[in-house]
């Protein structure tokens, strides 16, 4: 009687990385969705320019493709120029940072849900 050892570590690692990638994709989509609800807008051009991109395996980026996006996000350029008035009342600066922090605080639940699938 012999014992046969089957090495499935490589399959496990591959599935783990794929589930992490799916979880990150879901997180990026949620950050984008929440940021679009908070982005300052006048005619909606900044809001419409927002999208996410997959830059590589486990690497995602959210892009707002307008020149003034930096000013709206940080309330200025970080040096001398300060934006005092936002385009629409009730909206705020850090429209991307705050949703990112919220979703990052829930990261373990995203990873757990993907690991179970």
PDB file of N, CA and C in Angstrom:
ATOM      1  N   UNK A   1       0.837  -1.184   0.000  1.00  0.00           N
ATOM      2  CA  UNK A   1       0.000   0.000   0.000  1.00  0.00           C
ATOM      3  C   UNK A   1       0.878   1.242   0.000  1.00  0.00           C
ATOM      4  N   UNK A   2       0.642   2.091  -0.974  1.00  0.00           N
ATOM      5  CA  UNK A   2       1.419   3.321  -1.060  1.00  0.00           C
ATOM      6  C   UNK A   2       0.507   4.544  -0.978  1.00  0.00           C
ATOM      7  N   UNK A   3       1.119   5.620  -0.707  1.00  0.00           N
ATOM      8  CA  UNK A   3       0.397   6.887  -0.635  1.00  0.00           C
ATOM      9  C   UNK A   3       0.809   7.731  -1.832  1.00  0.00           C
ATOM     10  N   UNK A   4      -0.173   8.233  -2.538  1.00  0.00           N
ATOM     11  CA  UNK A   4       0.104   9.082  -3.682  1.00  0.00           C
ATOM     12  C   UNK A   4      -0.187  10.527  -3.283  1.00  0.00           C
ATOM     13  N   UNK A   5       0.797  11.379  -3.440  1.00  0.00           N
ATOM     14  CA  UNK A   5       0.651  12.794  -3.111  1.00  0.00           C
ATOM     15  C   UNK A   5       0.433  13.567  -4.408  1.00  0.00           C
ATOM     16  N   UNK A   6      -0.653  14.292  -4.454  1.00  0.00           N
ATOM     17  CA  UNK A   6      -0.967  15.102  -5.633  1.00  0.00           C
ATOM     18  C   UNK A   6      -0.691  16.559  -5.280  1.00  0.00           C
ATOM     19  N   UNK A   7       0.162  17.173  -6.039  1.00  0.00           N
ATOM     20  CA  UNK A   7       0.540  18.559  -5.794  1.00  0.00           C
ATOM     21  C   UNK A   7      -0.360  19.491  -6.615  1.00  0.00           C
ATOM     22  N   UNK A   8      -1.315  20.132  -5.936  1.00  0.00           N
ATOM     23  CA  UNK A   8      -2.215  21.080  -6.589  1.00  0.00           C
ATOM     24  C   UNK A   8      -1.919  22.524  -6.184  1.00  0.00           C
ATOM     25  N   UNK A   9      -0.741  22.760  -5.664  1.00  0.00           N
ATOM     26  CA  UNK A   9      -0.381  24.104  -5.209  1.00  0.00           C
ATOM     27  C   UNK A   9      -0.441  25.109  -6.359  1.00  0.00           C
ATOM     28  N   UNK A  10       0.055  24.745  -7.520  1.00  0.00           N
ATOM     29  CA  UNK A  10       0.062  25.694  -8.640  1.00  0.00           C
ATOM     30  C   UNK A  10      -1.367  26.059  -9.063  1.00  0.00           C
ATOM     31  N   UNK A  11      -2.287  25.093  -9.040  1.00  0.00           N
ATOM     32  CA  UNK A  11      -3.688  25.382  -9.351  1.00  0.00           C
ATOM     33  C   UNK A  11      -4.293  26.305  -8.294  1.00  0.00           C
ATOM     34  N   UNK A  12      -3.970  26.050  -7.040  1.00  0.00           N
ATOM     35  CA  UNK A  12      -4.468  26.881  -5.951  1.00  0.00           C
ATOM     36  C   UNK A  12      -3.965  28.319  -6.082  1.00  0.00           C
ATOM     37  N   UNK A  13      -2.690  28.469  -6.379  1.00  0.00           N
ATOM     38  CA  UNK A  13      -2.103  29.806  -6.535  1.00  0.00           C
ATOM     39  C   UNK A  13      -2.749  30.529  -7.712  1.00  0.00           C
ATOM     40  N   UNK A  14      -2.928  29.832  -8.814  1.00  0.00           N
ATOM     41  CA  UNK A  14      -3.549  30.427  -9.992  1.00  0.00           C
ATOM     42  C   UNK A  14      -4.976  30.889  -9.689  1.00  0.00           C
ATOM     43  N   UNK A  15      -5.754  30.050  -9.026  1.00  0.00           N
ATOM     44  CA  UNK A  15      -7.130  30.428  -8.662  1.00  0.00           C
ATOM     45  C   UNK A  15      -7.156  31.587  -7.677  1.00  0.00           C
ATOM     46  N   UNK A  16      -6.196  31.609  -6.760  1.00  0.00           N
ATOM     47  CA  UNK A  16      -6.135  32.700  -5.782  1.00  0.00           C
ATOM     48  C   UNK A  16      -5.861  34.034  -6.460  1.00  0.00           C
ATOM     49  N   UNK A  17      -4.900  34.050  -7.371  1.00  0.00           N
ATOM     50  CA  UNK A  17      -4.597  35.289  -8.086  1.00  0.00           C
ATOM     51  C   UNK A  17      -5.782  35.749  -8.923  1.00  0.00           C
ATOM     52  N   UNK A  18      -6.449  34.815  -9.574  1.00  0.00           N
ATOM     53  CA  UNK A  18      -7.609  35.183 -10.396  1.00  0.00           C
ATOM     54  C   UNK A  18      -8.737  35.737  -9.531  1.00  0.00           C
ATOM     55  N   UNK A  19      -8.956  35.155  -8.359  1.00  0.00           N
ATOM     56  CA  UNK A  19     -10.009  35.678  -7.488  1.00  0.00           C
ATOM     57  C   UNK A  19      -9.639  37.050  -6.934  1.00  0.00           C
ATOM     58  N   UNK A  20      -8.346  37.288  -6.664  1.00  0.00           N
ATOM     59  CA  UNK A  20      -7.918  38.621  -6.227  1.00  0.00           C
ATOM     60  C   UNK A  20      -8.138  39.644  -7.334  1.00  0.00           C
ATOM     61  N   UNK A  21      -7.850  39.263  -8.573  1.00  0.00           N
ATOM     62  CA  UNK A  21      -8.050  40.169  -9.697  1.00  0.00           C
ATOM     63  C   UNK A  21      -9.531  40.508  -9.866  1.00  0.00           C
ATOM     64  N   UNK A  22     -10.397  39.513  -9.733  1.00  0.00           N
ATOM     65  CA  UNK A  22     -11.846  39.767  -9.822  1.00  0.00           C
ATOM     66  C   UNK A  22     -12.312  40.681  -8.704  1.00  0.00           C
ATOM     67  N   UNK A  23     -11.792  40.479  -7.499  1.00  0.00           N
ATOM     68  CA  UNK A  23     -12.174  41.331  -6.366  1.00  0.00           C
ATOM     69  C   UNK A  23     -11.722  42.766  -6.592  1.00  0.00           C
ATOM     70  N   UNK A  24     -10.503  42.950  -7.077  1.00  0.00           N
ATOM     71  CA  UNK A  24     -10.018  44.303  -7.368  1.00  0.00           C
ATOM     72  C   UNK A  24     -10.861  44.960  -8.457  1.00  0.00           C
ATOM     73  N   UNK A  25     -11.252  44.197  -9.457  1.00  0.00           N
ATOM     74  CA  UNK A  25     -12.107  44.733 -10.512  1.00  0.00           C
ATOM     75  C   UNK A  25     -13.439  45.211  -9.933  1.00  0.00           C
ATOM     76  N   UNK A  26     -14.041  44.422  -9.080  1.00  0.00           N
ATOM     77  CA  UNK A  26     -15.305  44.835  -8.439  1.00  0.00           C
ATOM     78  C   UNK A  26     -15.103  46.075  -7.586  1.00  0.00           C
ATOM     79  N   UNK A  27     -13.977  46.152  -6.872  1.00  0.00           N
ATOM     80  CA  UNK A  27     -13.697  47.317  -6.033  1.00  0.00           C
ATOM     81  C   UNK A  27     -13.551  48.578  -6.884  1.00  0.00           C
ATOM     82  N   UNK A  28     -12.840  48.470  -7.997  1.00  0.00           N
ATOM     83  CA  UNK A  28     -12.639  49.623  -8.876  1.00  0.00           C
ATOM     84  C   UNK A  28     -13.969  50.097  -9.454  1.00  0.00           C
ATOM     85  N   UNK A  29     -14.810  49.168  -9.849  1.00  0.00           N
ATOM     86  CA  UNK A  29     -16.123  49.529 -10.388  1.00  0.00           C
ATOM     87  C   UNK A  29     -16.937  50.259  -9.323  1.00  0.00           C
ATOM     88  N   UNK A  30     -16.895  49.790  -8.084  1.00  0.00           N
ATOM     89  CA  UNK A  30     -17.636  50.445  -7.007  1.00  0.00           C
ATOM     90  C   UNK A  30     -17.078  51.828  -6.677  1.00  0.00           C
ATOM     91  N   UNK A  31     -15.754  51.980  -6.682  1.00  0.00           N
ATOM     92  CA  UNK A  31     -15.148  53.299  -6.442  1.00  0.00           C
ATOM     93  C   UNK A  31     -15.562  54.254  -7.552  1.00  0.00           C
ATOM     94  N   UNK A  32     -15.509  53.796  -8.785  1.00  0.00           N
ATOM     95  CA  UNK A  32     -15.919  54.643  -9.914  1.00  0.00           C
ATOM     96  C   UNK A  32     -17.382  55.058  -9.784  1.00  0.00           C
ATOM     97  N   UNK A  33     -18.241  54.113  -9.449  1.00  0.00           N
ATOM     98  CA  UNK A  33     -19.674  54.409  -9.308  1.00  0.00           C
ATOM     99  C   UNK A  33     -19.918  55.438  -8.216  1.00  0.00           C
ATOM    100  N   UNK A  34     -19.279  55.257  -7.049  1.00  0.00           N
ATOM    101  CA  UNK A  34     -19.457  56.204  -5.949  1.00  0.00           C
ATOM    102  C   UNK A  34     -18.856  57.569  -6.274  1.00  0.00           C
ATOM    103  N   UNK A  35     -17.727  57.595  -6.944  1.00  0.00           N
ATOM    104  CA  UNK A  35     -17.108  58.883  -7.263  1.00  0.00           C
ATOM    105  C   UNK A  35     -17.943  59.658  -8.273  1.00  0.00           C
ATOM    106  N   UNK A  36     -18.588  58.966  -9.190  1.00  0.00           N
ATOM    107  CA  UNK A  36     -19.439  59.663 -10.158  1.00  0.00           C
ATOM    108  C   UNK A  36     -20.663  60.289  -9.484  1.00  0.00           C
ATOM    109  N   UNK A  37     -21.060  59.747  -8.346  1.00  0.00           N
ATOM    110  CA  UNK A  37     -22.166  60.351  -7.610  1.00  0.00           C
ATOM    111  C   UNK A  37     -21.721  61.615  -6.878  1.00  0.00           C
ATOM    112  N   UNK A  38     -20.426  61.764  -6.621  1.00  0.00           N
ATOM    113  CA  UNK A  38     -19.916  62.894  -5.852  1.00  0.00           C
ATOM    114  C   UNK A  38     -19.173  63.922  -6.685  1.00  0.00           C
ATOM    115  N   UNK A  39     -18.848  63.606  -7.922  1.00  0.00           N
ATOM    116  CA  UNK A  39     -18.030  64.504  -8.731  1.00  0.00           C
ATOM    117  C   UNK A  39     -18.780  65.815  -8.991  1.00  0.00           C
ATOM    118  N   UNK A  40     -18.092  66.955  -8.824  1.00  0.00           N
ATOM    119  CA  UNK A  40     -18.734  68.233  -9.135  1.00  0.00           C
ATOM    120  C   UNK A  40     -19.058  68.301 -10.631  1.00  0.00           C
ATOM    121  N   UNK A  41     -20.195  68.869 -10.953  1.00  0.00           N
ATOM    122  CA  UNK A  41     -20.533  68.953 -12.375  1.00  0.00           C
ATOM    123  C   UNK A  41     -21.349  70.199 -12.665  1.00  0.00           C
ATOM    124  N   UNK A  42     -21.152  70.704 -13.848  1.00  0.00           N
ATOM    125  CA  UNK A  42     -21.938  71.817 -14.356  1.00  0.00           C
ATOM    126  C   UNK A  42     -22.714  71.312 -15.560  1.00  0.00           C
ATOM    127  N   UNK A  43     -21.976  70.907 -16.579  1.00  0.00           N
ATOM    128  CA  UNK A  43     -22.604  70.345 -17.775  1.00  0.00           C
ATOM    129  C   UNK A  43     -22.416  68.833 -17.844  1.00  0.00           C
ATOM    130  N   UNK A  44     -21.702  68.267 -16.892  1.00  0.00           N
ATOM    131  CA  UNK A  44     -21.531  66.822 -16.834  1.00  0.00           C
ATOM    132  C   UNK A  44     -20.354  66.279 -17.606  1.00  0.00           C
ATOM    133  N   UNK A  45     -19.482  67.151 -18.116  1.00  0.00           N
ATOM    134  CA  UNK A  45     -18.356  66.668 -18.916  1.00  0.00           C
ATOM    135  C   UNK A  45     -17.334  65.915 -18.068  1.00  0.00           C
ATOM    136  N   UNK A  46     -17.045  66.413 -16.871  1.00  0.00           N
ATOM    137  CA  UNK A  46     -16.093  65.729 -15.992  1.00  0.00           C
ATOM    138  C   UNK A  46     -16.650  64.381 -15.559  1.00  0.00           C
ATOM    139  N   UNK A  47     -17.905  64.366 -15.182  1.00  0.00           N
ATOM    140  CA  UNK A  47     -18.553  63.119 -14.758  1.00  0.00           C
ATOM    141  C   UNK A  47     -18.544  62.087 -15.893  1.00  0.00           C
ATOM    142  N   UNK A  48     -18.836  62.547 -17.105  1.00  0.00           N
ATOM    143  CA  UNK A  48     -18.882  61.638 -18.255  1.00  0.00           C
ATOM    144  C   UNK A  48     -17.497  61.137 -18.645  1.00  0.00           C
ATOM    145  N   UNK A  49     -16.446  61.877 -18.297  1.00  0.00           N
ATOM    146  CA  UNK A  49     -15.097  61.463 -18.691  1.00  0.00           C
ATOM    147  C   UNK A  49     -14.526  60.373 -17.781  1.00  0.00           C
ATOM    148  N   UNK A  50     -15.182  60.092 -16.668  1.00  0.00           N
ATOM    149  CA  UNK A  50     -14.676  59.100 -15.727  1.00  0.00           C
ATOM    150  C   UNK A  50     -14.859  57.677 -16.221  1.00  0.00           C
ATOM    151  N   UNK A  51     -13.822  56.898 -16.112  1.00  0.00           N
ATOM    152  CA  UNK A  51     -13.875  55.481 -16.466  1.00  0.00           C
ATOM    153  C   UNK A  51     -12.721  54.747 -15.787  1.00  0.00           C
ATOM    154  N   UNK A  52     -12.818  53.431 -15.759  1.00  0.00           N
ATOM    155  CA  UNK A  52     -11.717  52.654 -15.187  1.00  0.00           C
ATOM    156  C   UNK A  52     -11.032  51.866 -16.296  1.00  0.00           C
ATOM    157  N   UNK A  53      -9.745  51.607 -16.070  1.00  0.00           N
ATOM    158  CA  UNK A  53      -8.941  50.871 -17.036  1.00  0.00           C
ATOM    159  C   UNK A  53      -8.199  49.754 -16.326  1.00  0.00           C
ATOM    160  N   UNK A  54      -8.085  48.657 -17.006  1.00  0.00           N
ATOM    161  CA  UNK A  54      -7.256  47.567 -16.496  1.00  0.00           C
ATOM    162  C   UNK A  54      -5.878  47.720 -17.123  1.00  0.00           C
ATOM    163  N   UNK A  55      -4.902  48.036 -16.293  1.00  0.00           N
ATOM    164  CA  UNK A  55      -3.544  48.280 -16.770  1.00  0.00           C
ATOM    165  C   UNK A  55      -2.712  47.004 -16.821  1.00  0.00           C
ATOM    166  N   UNK A  56      -3.169  45.991 -16.141  1.00  0.00           N
ATOM    167  CA  UNK A  56      -2.446  44.727 -16.111  1.00  0.00           C
ATOM    168  C   UNK A  56      -3.054  43.835 -15.051  1.00  0.00           C
ATOM    169  N   UNK A  57      -2.423  42.713 -14.840  1.00  0.00           N
ATOM    170  CA  UNK A  57      -2.915  41.764 -13.844  1.00  0.00           C
ATOM    171  C   UNK A  57      -2.793  42.388 -12.458  1.00  0.00           C
ATOM    172  N   UNK A  58      -3.876  42.465 -11.732  1.00  0.00           N
ATOM    173  CA  UNK A  58      -3.971  43.070 -10.400  1.00  0.00           C
ATOM    174  C   UNK A  58      -3.670  44.573 -10.411  1.00  0.00           C
ATOM    175  N   UNK A  59      -3.846  45.219 -11.554  1.00  0.00           N
ATOM    176  CA  UNK A  59      -3.532  46.635 -11.669  1.00  0.00           C
ATOM    177  C   UNK A  59      -4.645  47.357 -12.424  1.00  0.00           C
ATOM    178  N   UNK A  60      -5.352  48.233 -11.706  1.00  0.00           N
ATOM    179  CA  UNK A  60      -6.471  48.984 -12.265  1.00  0.00           C
ATOM    180  C   UNK A  60      -6.271  50.467 -11.985  1.00  0.00           C
ATOM    181  N   UNK A  61      -6.938  51.300 -12.786  1.00  0.00           N
ATOM    182  CA  UNK A  61      -6.813  52.738 -12.630  1.00  0.00           C
ATOM    183  C   UNK A  61      -8.158  53.379 -12.965  1.00  0.00           C
ATOM    184  N   UNK A  62      -8.536  54.387 -12.184  1.00  0.00           N
ATOM    185  CA  UNK A  62      -9.720  55.181 -12.485  1.00  0.00           C
ATOM    186  C   UNK A  62      -9.239  56.508 -13.031  1.00  0.00           C
ATOM    187  N   UNK A  63      -9.788  56.911 -14.159  1.00  0.00           N
ATOM    188  CA  UNK A  63      -9.328  58.100 -14.862  1.00  0.00           C
ATOM    189  C   UNK A  63     -10.494  59.059 -15.062  1.00  0.00           C
ATOM    190  N   UNK A  64     -10.274  60.319 -14.728  1.00  0.00           N
ATOM    191  CA  UNK A  64     -11.163  61.402 -15.122  1.00  0.00           C
ATOM    192  C   UNK A  64     -10.371  62.222 -16.121  1.00  0.00           C
ATOM    193  N   UNK A  65     -10.820  62.235 -17.354  1.00  0.00           N
ATOM    194  CA  UNK A  65     -10.016  62.678 -18.479  1.00  0.00           C
ATOM    195  C   UNK A  65     -10.258  64.136 -18.865  1.00  0.00           C
ATOM    196  N   UNK A  66     -10.278  65.003 -17.906  1.00  0.00           N
ATOM    197  CA  UNK A  66     -10.418  66.443 -18.167  1.00  0.00           C
ATOM    198  C   UNK A  66      -9.276  67.176 -17.482  1.00  0.00           C
ATOM    199  N   UNK A  67      -8.841  68.278 -18.092  1.00  0.00           N
ATOM    200  CA  UNK A  67      -7.695  69.024 -17.558  1.00  0.00           C
ATOM    201  C   UNK A  67      -7.970  69.579 -16.164  1.00  0.00           C
ATOM    202  N   UNK A  68      -9.208  69.909 -15.871  1.00  0.00           N
ATOM    203  CA  UNK A  68      -9.544  70.514 -14.583  1.00  0.00           C
ATOM    204  C   UNK A  68      -9.916  69.488 -13.512  1.00  0.00           C
ATOM    205  N   UNK A  69      -9.799  68.215 -13.798  1.00  0.00           N
ATOM    206  CA  UNK A  69     -10.152  67.173 -12.827  1.00  0.00           C
ATOM    207  C   UNK A  69      -9.296  67.285 -11.568  1.00  0.00           C
ATOM    208  N   UNK A  70      -8.018  67.582 -11.722  1.00  0.00           N
ATOM    209  CA  UNK A  70      -7.107  67.728 -10.580  1.00  0.00           C
ATOM    210  C   UNK A  70      -7.563  68.849  -9.657  1.00  0.00           C
ATOM    211  N   UNK A  71      -7.960  69.976 -10.252  1.00  0.00           N
ATOM    212  CA  UNK A  71      -8.419  71.114  -9.450  1.00  0.00           C
ATOM    213  C   UNK A  71      -9.695  70.780  -8.690  1.00  0.00           C
ATOM    214  N   UNK A  72     -10.594  70.065  -9.332  1.00  0.00           N
ATOM    215  CA  UNK A  72     -11.838  69.702  -8.667  1.00  0.00           C
ATOM    216  C   UNK A  72     -11.608  68.655  -7.576  1.00  0.00           C
ATOM    217  N   UNK A  73     -10.684  67.729  -7.802  1.00  0.00           N
ATOM    218  CA  UNK A  73     -10.415  66.681  -6.810  1.00  0.00           C
ATOM    219  C   UNK A  73      -9.752  67.247  -5.561  1.00  0.00           C
ATOM    220  N   UNK A  74      -8.744  68.092  -5.738  1.00  0.00           N
ATOM    221  CA  UNK A  74      -7.962  68.564  -4.598  1.00  0.00           C
ATOM    222  C   UNK A  74      -8.309  69.979  -4.154  1.00  0.00           C
ATOM    223  N   UNK A  75      -9.229  70.646  -4.845  1.00  0.00           N
ATOM    224  CA  UNK A  75      -9.591  72.000  -4.466  1.00  0.00           C
ATOM    225  C   UNK A  75      -8.549  73.009  -4.900  1.00  0.00           C
ATOM    226  N   UNK A  76      -7.711  72.666  -5.839  1.00  0.00           N
ATOM    227  CA  UNK A  76      -6.653  73.536  -6.338  1.00  0.00           C
ATOM    228  C   UNK A  76      -5.539  72.690  -6.905  1.00  0.00           C
ATOM    229  N   UNK A  77      -4.415  73.329  -7.179  1.00  0.00           N
ATOM    230  CA  UNK A  77      -3.299  72.589  -7.744  1.00  0.00           C
ATOM    231  C   UNK A  77      -2.279  72.170  -6.686  1.00  0.00           C
ATOM    232  N   UNK A  78      -2.574  72.470  -5.417  1.00  0.00           N
ATOM    233  CA  UNK A  78      -1.668  72.108  -4.337  1.00  0.00           C
ATOM    234  C   UNK A  78      -0.584  73.131  -4.096  1.00  0.00           C
ATOM    235  N   UNK A  79      -0.566  74.175  -4.882  1.00  0.00           N
ATOM    236  CA  UNK A  79       0.457  75.216  -4.741  1.00  0.00           C
ATOM    237  C   UNK A  79      -0.206  76.546  -4.406  1.00  0.00           C
ATOM    238  N   UNK A  80      -0.576  77.317  -5.425  1.00  0.00           N
ATOM    239  CA  UNK A  80      -1.154  78.634  -5.184  1.00  0.00           C
ATOM    240  C   UNK A  80      -2.623  78.714  -5.589  1.00  0.00           C
ATOM    241  N   UNK A  81      -2.971  78.057  -6.666  1.00  0.00           N
ATOM    242  CA  UNK A  81      -4.331  78.164  -7.172  1.00  0.00           C
ATOM    243  C   UNK A  81      -5.281  77.359  -6.302  1.00  0.00           C
ATOM    244  N   UNK A  82      -6.358  78.007  -5.872  1.00  0.00           N
ATOM    245  CA  UNK A  82      -7.358  77.358  -5.030  1.00  0.00           C
ATOM    246  C   UNK A  82      -8.723  77.534  -5.676  1.00  0.00           C
ATOM    247  N   UNK A  83      -9.457  76.451  -5.757  1.00  0.00           N
ATOM    248  CA  UNK A  83     -10.821  76.499  -6.275  1.00  0.00           C
ATOM    249  C   UNK A  83     -11.739  76.702  -5.080  1.00  0.00           C
ATOM    250  N   UNK A  84     -12.381  77.825  -5.021  1.00  0.00           N
ATOM    251  CA  UNK A  84     -13.273  78.105  -3.898  1.00  0.00           C
ATOM    252  C   UNK A  84     -14.702  77.676  -4.193  1.00  0.00           C
ATOM    253  N   UNK A  85     -15.098  77.772  -5.435  1.00  0.00           N
ATOM    254  CA  UNK A  85     -16.458  77.429  -5.829  1.00  0.00           C
ATOM    255  C   UNK A  85     -16.425  76.163  -6.666  1.00  0.00           C
ATOM    256  N   UNK A  86     -17.213  75.216  -6.289  1.00  0.00           N
ATOM    257  CA  UNK A  86     -17.328  74.021  -7.098  1.00  0.00           C
ATOM    258  C   UNK A  86     -18.473  74.199  -8.068  1.00  0.00           C
ATOM    259  N   UNK A  87     -18.465  73.419  -9.106  1.00  0.00           N
ATOM    260  CA  UNK A  87     -19.408  73.615 -10.195  1.00  0.00           C
ATOM    261  C   UNK A  87     -20.862  73.484  -9.770  1.00  0.00           C
ATOM    262  N   UNK A  88     -21.144  72.617  -8.849  1.00  0.00           N
ATOM    263  CA  UNK A  88     -22.523  72.357  -8.455  1.00  0.00           C
ATOM    264  C   UNK A  88     -22.594  72.301  -6.939  1.00  0.00           C
ATOM    265  N   UNK A  89     -23.555  72.986  -6.387  1.00  0.00           N
ATOM    266  CA  UNK A  89     -23.713  72.977  -4.921  1.00  0.00           C
ATOM    267  C   UNK A  89     -23.965  71.560  -4.428  1.00  0.00           C
ATOM    268  N   UNK A  90     -23.436  71.259  -3.234  1.00  0.00           N
ATOM    269  CA  UNK A  90     -23.635  69.938  -2.651  1.00  0.00           C
ATOM    270  C   UNK A  90     -22.566  68.944  -3.033  1.00  0.00           C
ATOM    271  N   UNK A  91     -21.761  69.261  -4.011  1.00  0.00           N
ATOM    272  CA  UNK A  91     -20.666  68.382  -4.407  1.00  0.00           C
ATOM    273  C   UNK A  91     -19.408  68.842  -3.689  1.00  0.00           C
ATOM    274  N   UNK A  92     -18.375  68.050  -3.731  1.00  0.00           N
ATOM    275  CA  UNK A  92     -17.217  68.359  -2.905  1.00  0.00           C
ATOM    276  C   UNK A  92     -15.923  67.955  -3.579  1.00  0.00           C
ATOM    277  N   UNK A  93     -14.825  68.429  -3.013  1.00  0.00           N
ATOM    278  CA  UNK A  93     -13.539  67.941  -3.471  1.00  0.00           C
ATOM    279  C   UNK A  93     -13.324  66.543  -2.890  1.00  0.00           C
ATOM    280  N   UNK A  94     -12.290  65.897  -3.299  1.00  0.00           N
ATOM    281  CA  UNK A  94     -11.973  64.515  -2.924  1.00  0.00           C
ATOM    282  C   UNK A  94     -13.081  63.543  -3.340  1.00  0.00           C
ATOM    283  N   UNK A  95     -13.663  63.801  -4.511  1.00  0.00           N
ATOM    284  CA  UNK A  95     -14.722  62.937  -5.029  1.00  0.00           C
ATOM    285  C   UNK A  95     -14.199  61.556  -5.399  1.00  0.00           C
ATOM    286  N   UNK A  96     -12.887  61.412  -5.551  1.00  0.00           N
ATOM    287  CA  UNK A  96     -12.307  60.110  -5.881  1.00  0.00           C
ATOM    288  C   UNK A  96     -11.621  59.479  -4.676  1.00  0.00           C
ATOM    289  N   UNK A  97     -10.956  60.293  -3.865  1.00  0.00           N
ATOM    290  CA  UNK A  97     -10.233  59.775  -2.705  1.00  0.00           C
ATOM    291  C   UNK A  97     -11.181  59.175  -1.668  1.00  0.00           C
ATOM    292  N   UNK A  98     -12.250  59.876  -1.347  1.00  0.00           N
ATOM    293  CA  UNK A  98     -13.156  59.408  -0.301  1.00  0.00           C
ATOM    294  C   UNK A  98     -13.843  58.082  -0.651  1.00  0.00           C
ATOM    295  N   UNK A  99     -14.391  57.913  -1.866  1.00  0.00           N
ATOM    296  CA  UNK A  99     -14.930  56.589  -2.212  1.00  0.00           C
ATOM    297  C   UNK A  99     -13.857  55.501  -2.211  1.00  0.00           C
ATOM    298  N   UNK A 100     -12.636  55.865  -2.611  1.00  0.00           N
ATOM    299  CA  UNK A 100     -11.538  54.893  -2.595  1.00  0.00           C
ATOM    300  C   UNK A 100     -11.243  54.400  -1.192  1.00  0.00           C
ATOM    301  N   UNK A 101     -11.228  55.322  -0.251  1.00  0.00           N
ATOM    302  CA  UNK A 101     -10.988  54.929   1.139  1.00  0.00           C
ATOM    303  C   UNK A 101     -12.131  54.086   1.695  1.00  0.00           C
ATOM    304  N   UNK A 102     -13.356  54.437   1.329  1.00  0.00           N
ATOM    305  CA  UNK A 102     -14.513  53.674   1.808  1.00  0.00           C
ATOM    306  C   UNK A 102     -14.455  52.233   1.300  1.00  0.00           C
ATOM    307  N   UNK A 103     -14.223  52.070   0.020  1.00  0.00           N
ATOM    308  CA  UNK A 103     -14.172  50.723  -0.562  1.00  0.00           C
ATOM    309  C   UNK A 103     -12.953  49.961  -0.048  1.00  0.00           C
ATOM    310  N   UNK A 104     -11.824  50.639   0.129  1.00  0.00           N
ATOM    311  CA  UNK A 104     -10.628  49.970   0.661  1.00  0.00           C
ATOM    312  C   UNK A 104     -10.852  49.464   2.076  1.00  0.00           C
ATOM    313  N   UNK A 105     -11.676  50.173   2.847  1.00  0.00           N
ATOM    314  CA  UNK A 105     -11.958  49.718   4.208  1.00  0.00           C
ATOM    315  C   UNK A 105     -12.793  48.433   4.212  1.00  0.00           C
ATOM    316  N   UNK A 106     -13.436  48.139   3.084  1.00  0.00           N
ATOM    317  CA  UNK A 106     -14.256  46.925   2.973  1.00  0.00           C
ATOM    318  C   UNK A 106     -13.579  45.863   2.103  1.00  0.00           C
ATOM    319  N   UNK A 107     -12.292  46.005   1.877  1.00  0.00           N
ATOM    320  CA  UNK A 107     -11.569  45.127   0.945  1.00  0.00           C
ATOM    321  C   UNK A 107     -11.679  43.650   1.314  1.00  0.00           C
ATOM    322  N   UNK A 108     -11.602  43.347   2.595  1.00  0.00           N
ATOM    323  CA  UNK A 108     -11.634  41.931   2.994  1.00  0.00           C
ATOM    324  C   UNK A 108     -12.940  41.257   2.584  1.00  0.00           C
ATOM    325  N   UNK A 109     -14.043  41.966   2.643  1.00  0.00           N
ATOM    326  CA  UNK A 109     -15.309  41.356   2.236  1.00  0.00           C
ATOM    327  C   UNK A 109     -15.322  41.069   0.731  1.00  0.00           C
ATOM    328  N   UNK A 110     -14.703  41.945  -0.070  1.00  0.00           N
ATOM    329  CA  UNK A 110     -14.595  41.689  -1.511  1.00  0.00           C
ATOM    330  C   UNK A 110     -13.742  40.446  -1.767  1.00  0.00           C
ATOM    331  N   UNK A 111     -12.607  40.351  -1.089  1.00  0.00           N
ATOM    332  CA  UNK A 111     -11.714  39.211  -1.292  1.00  0.00           C
ATOM    333  C   UNK A 111     -12.355  37.908  -0.813  1.00  0.00           C
ATOM    334  N   UNK A 112     -13.042  37.971   0.310  1.00  0.00           N
ATOM    335  CA  UNK A 112     -13.718  36.765   0.829  1.00  0.00           C
ATOM    336  C   UNK A 112     -14.787  36.275  -0.149  1.00  0.00           C
ATOM    337  N   UNK A 113     -15.589  37.205  -0.650  1.00  0.00           N
ATOM    338  CA  UNK A 113     -16.682  36.788  -1.548  1.00  0.00           C
ATOM    339  C   UNK A 113     -16.134  36.180  -2.835  1.00  0.00           C
ATOM    340  N   UNK A 114     -15.037  36.702  -3.347  1.00  0.00           N
ATOM    341  CA  UNK A 114     -14.455  36.139  -4.560  1.00  0.00           C
ATOM    342  C   UNK A 114     -13.740  34.817  -4.289  1.00  0.00           C
ATOM    343  N   UNK A 115     -13.184  34.666  -3.115  1.00  0.00           N
ATOM    344  CA  UNK A 115     -12.484  33.420  -2.777  1.00  0.00           C
ATOM    345  C   UNK A 115     -13.452  32.254  -2.665  1.00  0.00           C
ATOM    346  N   UNK A 116     -14.698  32.547  -2.332  1.00  0.00           N
ATOM    347  CA  UNK A 116     -15.682  31.491  -2.166  1.00  0.00           C
ATOM    348  C   UNK A 116     -16.294  31.038  -3.479  1.00  0.00           C
ATOM    349  N   UNK A 117     -16.043  31.795  -4.553  1.00  0.00           N
ATOM    350  CA  UNK A 117     -16.644  31.403  -5.842  1.00  0.00           C
ATOM    351  C   UNK A 117     -15.719  30.506  -6.631  1.00  0.00           C
TER     352      UNK A 117
END
